[in-house]
Amino acid sequence: MEKTDIKSLDYEELQAFLTGMGEKPFRAKQIYQWMHEKLADGFSEMTNLSAALRERLEETCSYTCLEPVEILTSQIDGTQKFLFRLQDGHVIESVLMKYHHGNSVCISSQAGCRMGCRFCASTIGGLQRDLTVGELLDQVYRIQKLSGERVSNLVLMGTGEPLDNFENVKKFIRMLSDSHGLNISQRNITLSTCGLVPEIRRLAEEDFQITLALSLHASSQEKRKALMPVANRYEIGEVLDACRFYYEKTGRRLTFEYSLVGGVNDTKEDAGRLVGLVSGLNCHVNLIPVNPIKERDYVQSDKKTILNFKNKLENYGINVTIRREMGRDINGACGQLRRSFMEEKSHV
């Protein structure tokens, strides 16, 4: 008999599941609280349940509790990177970043990724599988429990394309921001996508108040195709139209992520074209000095080039920042820690 993934059940689903077992409805509140507020490691910790009920839950349910394989702490800024093992042996990574305004967690949405972006370590090796709702949630829960730090902000920017795991990510956002759980404000949640047009439009209809961050990374369709295979499916104009639709539906300012790759997309002409693409949009451009990975020959733009690029955008009234590099001394970029772990494992 296939076990029920209990941590992936929302509050109403858990109530229905337990009443179907012949339990009183108030048991749902107790169990949900243990899982999503007290962050219990398993049924054995749920001390206000009878031993018989805990035993039945063990028999009928699987309980997601990610196993920390490695935890690295940056000596530069205190950023912590977590490598977690899933129950089927796959590994994923998550990051805790500490800011003055609160603690932010960056989580993965898939084990691996099939989007193929040329400068990203996450996609090397392809997609293994989508993460369940419980696995999405438990990245936040484990980090909060292991670090002893309250998480106030969340970004879906780790390994994987969140909109390629649409239904699970949608449910995760609802459960994370639900008053029965951690109750993290949707305004403090950012979802980063490489630009899956139909899914951006679907997301706009969900009545969320999350921030959409588009991984743009190029100023023209040709350059985007060279860096991001998804551009072979969707023209840059289509993607920007979907972003406009998202803004019209939600009123949430858009973020455009732009990784600066030395000699590839960081010229004056690139800056000028980017101005033309985003002018008139209520948006913020986040310039990201690309993290070099050994599997690719891309290099980071030099500081002068980055500043010139930023100044060009600002001269046209575009809100722009250069992303502060966090945890560079601990494989801080997307997929790097997971990739190095998998390589070591394959050489054993």
Protein backbone atom coordinates (compact mmCIF):
# COMPACT_ATOMS: atom_id res chain seq x y z
CA MET A 1 0.00 0.00 0.00
CA GLU A 2 1.33 3.42 -0.96
CA LYS A 3 1.74 5.68 2.04
CA THR A 4 0.18 9.16 2.24
CA ASP A 5 2.69 12.02 2.08
CA ILE A 6 1.25 13.73 5.16
CA LYS A 7 3.43 16.87 5.13
CA SER A 8 2.20 17.69 1.61
CA LEU A 9 -1.44 17.78 2.78
CA ASP A 10 -2.90 21.22 3.41
CA TYR A 11 -5.05 21.81 6.50
CA GLU A 12 -8.37 20.85 4.90
CA GLU A 13 -6.86 17.75 3.26
CA LEU A 14 -5.38 16.66 6.58
CA GLN A 15 -8.78 17.07 8.28
CA ALA A 16 -10.42 14.91 5.60
CA PHE A 17 -7.66 12.31 5.84
CA LEU A 18 -7.97 11.97 9.62
CA THR A 19 -11.77 11.90 9.71
CA GLY A 20 -11.52 9.18 7.05
CA MET A 21 -9.43 7.23 9.58
CA GLY A 22 -12.19 7.71 12.15
CA GLU A 23 -10.32 10.37 14.15
CA LYS A 24 -11.84 13.51 15.67
CA PRO A 25 -11.40 16.73 13.62
CA PHE A 26 -9.35 18.44 16.36
CA ARG A 27 -6.55 15.94 15.74
CA ALA A 28 -5.84 17.73 12.44
CA LYS A 29 -5.03 20.95 14.28
CA GLN A 30 -2.69 19.14 16.65
CA ILE A 31 -0.81 17.26 13.92
CA TYR A 32 -0.65 20.26 11.58
CA GLN A 33 0.80 22.34 14.41
CA TRP A 34 3.44 19.70 15.12
CA MET A 35 4.48 19.59 11.47
CA HIS A 36 4.26 23.23 10.42
CA GLU A 37 4.75 25.28 13.60
CA LYS A 38 6.68 23.13 16.07
CA LEU A 39 8.65 21.57 13.18
CA ALA A 40 8.65 18.04 14.61
CA ASP A 41 11.15 15.57 13.16
CA GLY A 42 8.60 12.76 13.18
CA PHE A 43 5.43 11.31 14.70
CA SER A 44 7.27 10.15 17.83
CA GLU A 45 7.62 13.78 18.94
CA MET A 46 3.84 14.36 18.85
CA THR A 47 3.38 13.72 22.55
CA ASN A 48 -0.26 14.83 22.82
CA LEU A 49 -1.31 12.03 20.44
CA SER A 50 -2.00 8.56 21.72
CA ALA A 51 0.61 5.88 21.10
CA ALA A 52 -1.98 3.98 19.02
CA LEU A 53 -2.59 6.97 16.72
CA ARG A 54 1.11 7.61 16.28
CA GLU A 55 1.55 3.96 15.35
CA ARG A 56 -1.27 4.16 12.78
CA LEU A 57 0.29 7.30 11.28
CA GLU A 58 3.67 5.53 11.01
CA GLU A 59 1.99 2.65 9.18
CA THR A 60 -0.09 4.73 6.76
CA CYS A 61 1.98 7.90 6.18
CA SER A 62 5.39 8.93 4.97
CA TYR A 63 6.91 11.84 6.91
CA THR A 64 9.28 14.17 5.08
CA CYS A 65 12.27 15.15 7.21
CA LEU A 66 15.27 16.19 5.14
CA GLU A 67 18.65 14.81 6.20
CA PRO A 68 21.43 17.42 6.40
CA VAL A 69 24.48 16.02 4.59
CA GLU A 70 26.69 19.08 4.81
CA ILE A 71 26.37 22.58 6.28
CA LEU A 72 28.87 25.22 5.21
CA THR A 73 29.20 28.65 6.83
CA SER A 74 30.79 31.59 5.02
CA GLN A 75 33.66 33.25 6.84
CA ILE A 76 32.90 36.40 4.82
CA ASP A 77 29.26 37.14 5.64
CA GLY A 78 27.82 34.30 7.74
CA THR A 79 25.78 32.86 4.87
CA GLN A 80 25.02 29.18 5.45
CA LYS A 81 24.61 26.61 2.70
CA PHE A 82 22.78 23.35 3.41
CA LEU A 83 23.04 20.16 1.39
CA PHE A 84 20.04 17.93 2.12
CA ARG A 85 19.47 14.29 1.19
CA LEU A 86 15.95 13.28 0.15
CA GLN A 87 14.40 9.93 1.10
CA ASP A 88 15.21 8.47 -2.35
CA GLY A 89 18.88 9.50 -2.14
CA HIS A 90 18.79 12.61 -4.34
CA VAL A 91 20.45 15.71 -2.90
CA ILE A 92 19.33 19.34 -3.00
CA GLU A 93 20.74 22.56 -1.64
CA SER A 94 19.31 25.53 0.22
CA VAL A 95 20.84 28.75 1.54
CA LEU A 96 20.30 30.94 4.62
CA MET A 97 21.29 34.58 4.08
CA LYS A 98 21.31 36.99 7.00
CA TYR A 99 20.44 40.62 6.36
CA HIS A 100 19.71 43.57 8.66
CA HIS A 101 16.06 43.47 7.57
CA GLY A 102 15.67 39.76 8.39
CA ASN A 103 16.72 36.25 7.43
CA SER A 104 16.15 35.06 3.87
CA VAL A 105 16.13 31.45 2.71
CA CYS A 106 16.74 30.40 -0.88
CA ILE A 107 15.29 26.97 -1.66
CA SER A 108 15.35 24.49 -4.53
CA SER A 109 12.19 23.48 -6.38
CA GLN A 110 13.55 20.43 -8.23
CA ALA A 111 16.33 17.89 -7.93
CA GLY A 112 18.32 19.03 -10.94
CA CYS A 113 16.94 21.16 -13.76
CA ARG A 114 16.13 20.70 -17.43
CA MET A 115 16.23 24.36 -18.51
CA GLY A 116 19.88 24.18 -19.61
CA CYS A 117 20.97 27.78 -18.91
CA ARG A 118 24.59 27.90 -20.02
CA PHE A 119 26.09 29.70 -17.00
CA CYS A 120 24.29 27.72 -14.28
CA ALA A 121 25.67 24.70 -12.40
CA SER A 122 22.16 23.58 -11.40
CA THR A 123 21.29 22.30 -14.85
CA ILE A 124 24.41 20.19 -15.45
CA GLY A 125 23.23 16.58 -15.32
CA GLY A 126 19.63 17.45 -16.15
CA LEU A 127 16.45 16.97 -14.14
CA GLN A 128 16.05 14.08 -11.71
CA ARG A 129 12.56 14.92 -10.44
CA ASP A 130 10.22 17.55 -9.03
CA LEU A 131 10.23 18.17 -5.29
CA THR A 132 7.04 17.43 -3.35
CA VAL A 133 5.21 20.10 -1.36
CA GLY A 134 6.58 18.56 1.83
CA GLU A 135 10.15 18.70 0.51
CA LEU A 136 9.72 22.35 -0.46
CA LEU A 137 8.38 23.21 2.99
CA ASP A 138 10.91 21.15 4.89
CA GLN A 139 13.87 23.06 3.43
CA VAL A 140 12.55 26.11 5.28
CA TYR A 141 11.68 24.09 8.40
CA ARG A 142 15.05 22.31 8.65
CA ILE A 143 16.99 25.55 8.18
CA GLN A 144 14.92 27.32 10.81
CA LYS A 145 15.37 24.43 13.23
CA LEU A 146 19.08 23.81 12.54
CA SER A 147 20.05 27.47 12.64
CA GLY A 148 17.74 28.58 15.43
CA GLU A 149 16.93 31.60 13.24
CA ARG A 150 13.44 32.80 12.33
CA VAL A 151 12.95 32.96 8.55
CA SER A 152 11.07 36.05 7.33
CA ASN A 153 11.83 36.07 3.59
CA LEU A 154 11.91 33.32 1.00
CA VAL A 155 13.22 33.10 -2.55
CA LEU A 156 12.58 30.25 -4.97
CA MET A 157 15.91 30.66 -6.74
CA GLY A 158 17.78 27.46 -5.92
CA THR A 159 18.15 24.40 -8.13
CA GLY A 160 15.29 23.89 -10.58
CA GLU A 161 12.70 25.98 -12.41
CA PRO A 162 9.81 26.65 -9.99
CA LEU A 163 7.22 27.05 -12.76
CA ASP A 164 8.25 23.66 -14.18
CA ASN A 165 6.93 22.23 -10.89
CA PHE A 166 3.87 24.49 -10.98
CA GLU A 167 1.22 22.66 -8.93
CA ASN A 168 3.54 21.75 -6.05
CA VAL A 169 5.07 25.22 -5.90
CA LYS A 170 1.61 26.83 -5.96
CA LYS A 171 0.44 24.69 -3.03
CA PHE A 172 3.71 25.30 -1.18
CA ILE A 173 3.24 29.09 -1.39
CA ARG A 174 -0.30 28.80 -0.02
CA MET A 175 0.79 26.56 2.86
CA LEU A 176 3.89 28.60 3.77
CA SER A 177 1.83 31.79 3.95
CA ASP A 178 -1.13 30.13 5.69
CA SER A 179 -2.03 31.21 9.24
CA HIS A 180 -1.92 27.54 10.34
CA GLY A 181 1.78 27.30 9.42
CA LEU A 182 4.80 29.63 9.48
CA ASN A 183 2.57 32.43 8.14
CA ILE A 184 5.31 34.06 6.04
CA SER A 185 3.85 37.04 4.19
CA GLN A 186 3.45 36.46 0.45
CA ARG A 187 4.96 39.92 -0.03
CA ASN A 188 8.17 38.45 1.36
CA ILE A 189 8.23 35.59 -1.18
CA THR A 190 10.03 35.88 -4.54
CA LEU A 191 9.75 33.34 -7.34
CA SER A 192 12.45 33.34 -10.02
CA THR A 193 11.70 31.93 -13.47
CA CYS A 194 13.66 31.63 -16.69
CA GLY A 195 10.48 32.60 -18.53
CA LEU A 196 7.88 29.86 -19.03
CA VAL A 197 5.24 32.08 -20.63
CA PRO A 198 2.04 30.01 -20.08
CA GLU A 199 2.98 29.36 -16.44
CA ILE A 200 3.73 33.06 -15.76
CA ARG A 201 0.22 33.83 -16.98
CA ARG A 202 -1.23 31.01 -14.84
CA LEU A 203 0.64 32.33 -11.82
CA ALA A 204 -0.84 35.79 -12.42
CA GLU A 205 -4.33 34.29 -12.06
CA GLU A 206 -3.59 32.74 -8.64
CA ASP A 207 -4.21 35.96 -6.71
CA PHE A 208 -0.82 35.75 -5.00
CA GLN A 209 1.06 38.78 -3.71
CA ILE A 210 4.52 37.34 -4.38
CA THR A 211 7.29 39.04 -6.38
CA LEU A 212 8.03 37.64 -9.83
CA ALA A 213 11.70 37.72 -10.82
CA LEU A 214 12.44 37.01 -14.47
CA SER A 215 15.87 35.64 -15.33
CA LEU A 216 16.37 37.84 -18.40
CA HIS A 217 20.18 37.72 -18.76
CA ALA A 218 20.25 39.10 -22.31
CA SER A 219 19.30 42.24 -24.19
CA SER A 220 18.23 40.54 -27.41
CA GLN A 221 16.55 37.36 -28.57
CA GLU A 222 19.75 36.14 -30.26
CA LYS A 223 21.89 36.53 -27.16
CA ARG A 224 19.21 35.03 -24.95
CA LYS A 225 19.04 31.93 -27.19
CA ALA A 226 22.81 31.53 -26.86
CA LEU A 227 22.63 31.66 -23.05
CA MET A 228 19.21 30.14 -22.32
CA PRO A 229 17.66 27.29 -24.35
CA VAL A 230 14.17 28.30 -23.12
CA ALA A 231 14.46 31.25 -25.52
CA ASN A 232 14.07 28.77 -28.40
CA ARG A 233 10.49 28.23 -27.15
CA TYR A 234 9.53 31.79 -26.25
CA GLU A 235 10.52 35.07 -27.89
CA ILE A 236 11.79 37.75 -25.54
CA GLY A 237 8.79 39.91 -26.43
CA GLU A 238 6.39 37.12 -25.42
CA VAL A 239 8.12 36.76 -22.07
CA LEU A 240 7.96 40.50 -21.36
CA ASP A 241 4.29 40.57 -22.36
CA ALA A 242 3.63 37.81 -19.82
CA CYS A 243 5.47 39.86 -17.18
CA ARG A 244 3.32 42.90 -18.01
CA PHE A 245 0.25 40.70 -17.60
CA TYR A 246 1.55 39.58 -14.19
CA TYR A 247 1.97 43.20 -13.10
CA GLU A 248 -1.49 44.15 -14.37
CA LYS A 249 -3.07 41.29 -12.43
CA THR A 250 -1.14 41.64 -9.18
CA GLY A 251 0.16 45.21 -9.00
CA ARG A 252 3.50 43.75 -7.87
CA ARG A 253 6.66 45.43 -9.15
CA LEU A 254 8.65 43.16 -11.44
CA THR A 255 12.27 42.16 -10.93
CA PHE A 256 14.56 41.40 -13.86
CA GLU A 257 17.65 39.32 -13.07
CA TYR A 258 20.58 40.03 -15.39
CA SER A 259 23.76 37.95 -14.97
CA LEU A 260 26.69 39.88 -16.39
CA VAL A 261 29.00 37.60 -18.37
CA GLY A 262 32.30 39.16 -19.42
CA GLY A 263 32.38 39.99 -23.14
CA VAL A 264 29.02 38.27 -23.75
CA ASN A 265 26.18 40.50 -22.53
CA ASP A 266 27.87 43.42 -20.74
CA THR A 267 28.57 45.95 -23.51
CA LYS A 268 27.26 49.52 -23.84
CA GLU A 269 25.05 48.26 -26.65
CA ASP A 270 23.61 45.58 -24.35
CA ALA A 271 22.82 48.22 -21.73
CA GLY A 272 21.10 50.38 -24.36
CA ARG A 273 18.99 47.49 -25.65
CA LEU A 274 18.06 46.52 -22.09
CA VAL A 275 16.85 50.08 -21.47
CA GLY A 276 14.61 49.73 -24.53
CA LEU A 277 13.18 46.42 -23.27
CA VAL A 278 12.23 47.47 -19.73
CA SER A 279 11.51 51.20 -20.05
CA GLY A 280 7.98 52.03 -18.98
CA LEU A 281 7.66 48.94 -16.79
CA ASN A 282 7.33 49.19 -13.02
CA CYS A 283 10.46 47.16 -12.42
CA HIS A 284 13.77 46.72 -10.70
CA VAL A 285 16.85 45.37 -12.49
CA ASN A 286 19.16 43.18 -10.40
CA LEU A 287 22.63 42.95 -11.96
CA ILE A 288 24.41 39.73 -10.98
CA PRO A 289 28.16 39.31 -11.47
CA VAL A 290 28.15 35.75 -12.85
CA ASN A 291 29.74 33.05 -10.69
CA PRO A 292 32.28 31.19 -12.88
CA ILE A 293 31.83 27.40 -12.97
CA LYS A 294 34.55 25.07 -14.18
CA GLU A 295 32.29 23.32 -16.71
CA ARG A 296 31.90 26.58 -18.67
CA ASP A 297 34.38 29.16 -19.92
CA TYR A 298 32.28 32.19 -18.93
CA VAL A 299 33.99 34.85 -16.83
CA GLN A 300 32.71 37.58 -14.56
CA SER A 301 32.58 41.12 -15.94
CA ASP A 302 35.14 43.45 -14.35
CA LYS A 303 34.02 46.03 -11.77
CA LYS A 304 34.36 49.01 -14.13
CA THR A 305 32.18 47.32 -16.76
CA ILE A 306 29.55 46.43 -14.16
CA LEU A 307 29.43 50.01 -12.83
CA ASN A 308 29.22 51.47 -16.34
CA PHE A 309 26.34 49.11 -17.15
CA LYS A 310 24.54 50.15 -13.94
CA ASN A 311 25.09 53.86 -14.61
CA LYS A 312 23.71 53.58 -18.15
CA LEU A 313 20.45 52.08 -16.81
CA GLU A 314 20.19 54.65 -14.03
CA ASN A 315 20.68 57.50 -16.49
CA TYR A 316 17.41 56.38 -18.09
CA GLY A 317 15.57 56.32 -14.77
CA ILE A 318 15.63 52.55 -14.29
CA ASN A 319 15.82 51.26 -10.72
CA VAL A 320 18.91 49.05 -10.58
CA THR A 321 21.15 47.36 -8.01
CA ILE A 322 24.20 45.13 -8.16
CA ARG A 323 23.51 41.97 -6.22
CA ARG A 324 25.68 41.59 -3.18
CA GLU A 325 27.61 38.34 -3.53
CA MET A 326 26.77 36.05 -0.63
CA GLY A 327 28.69 32.95 0.39
CA ARG A 328 31.15 32.94 -2.47
CA ASP A 329 33.73 31.12 -0.33
CA ILE A 330 31.28 28.21 0.24
CA ASN A 331 30.15 27.40 -3.32
CA GLY A 332 27.49 30.10 -2.97
CA ALA A 333 26.14 30.04 -6.51
CA CYS A 334 23.18 27.92 -7.57
CA GLY A 335 23.97 24.23 -7.83
CA GLN A 336 27.70 24.44 -7.07
CA LEU A 337 27.69 22.59 -3.73
CA ARG A 338 25.31 19.92 -5.02
CA ARG A 339 27.42 19.49 -8.16
CA SER A 340 30.69 19.10 -6.24
CA PHE A 341 29.06 16.57 -3.86
CA MET A 342 27.75 14.48 -6.79
CA GLU A 343 31.17 14.53 -8.45
CA GLU A 344 32.89 13.35 -5.27
CA LYS A 345 30.30 10.58 -4.89
CA SER A 346 30.85 9.38 -8.49
CA HIS A 347 34.60 9.10 -7.88
CA VAL A 348 34.20 6.90 -4.79
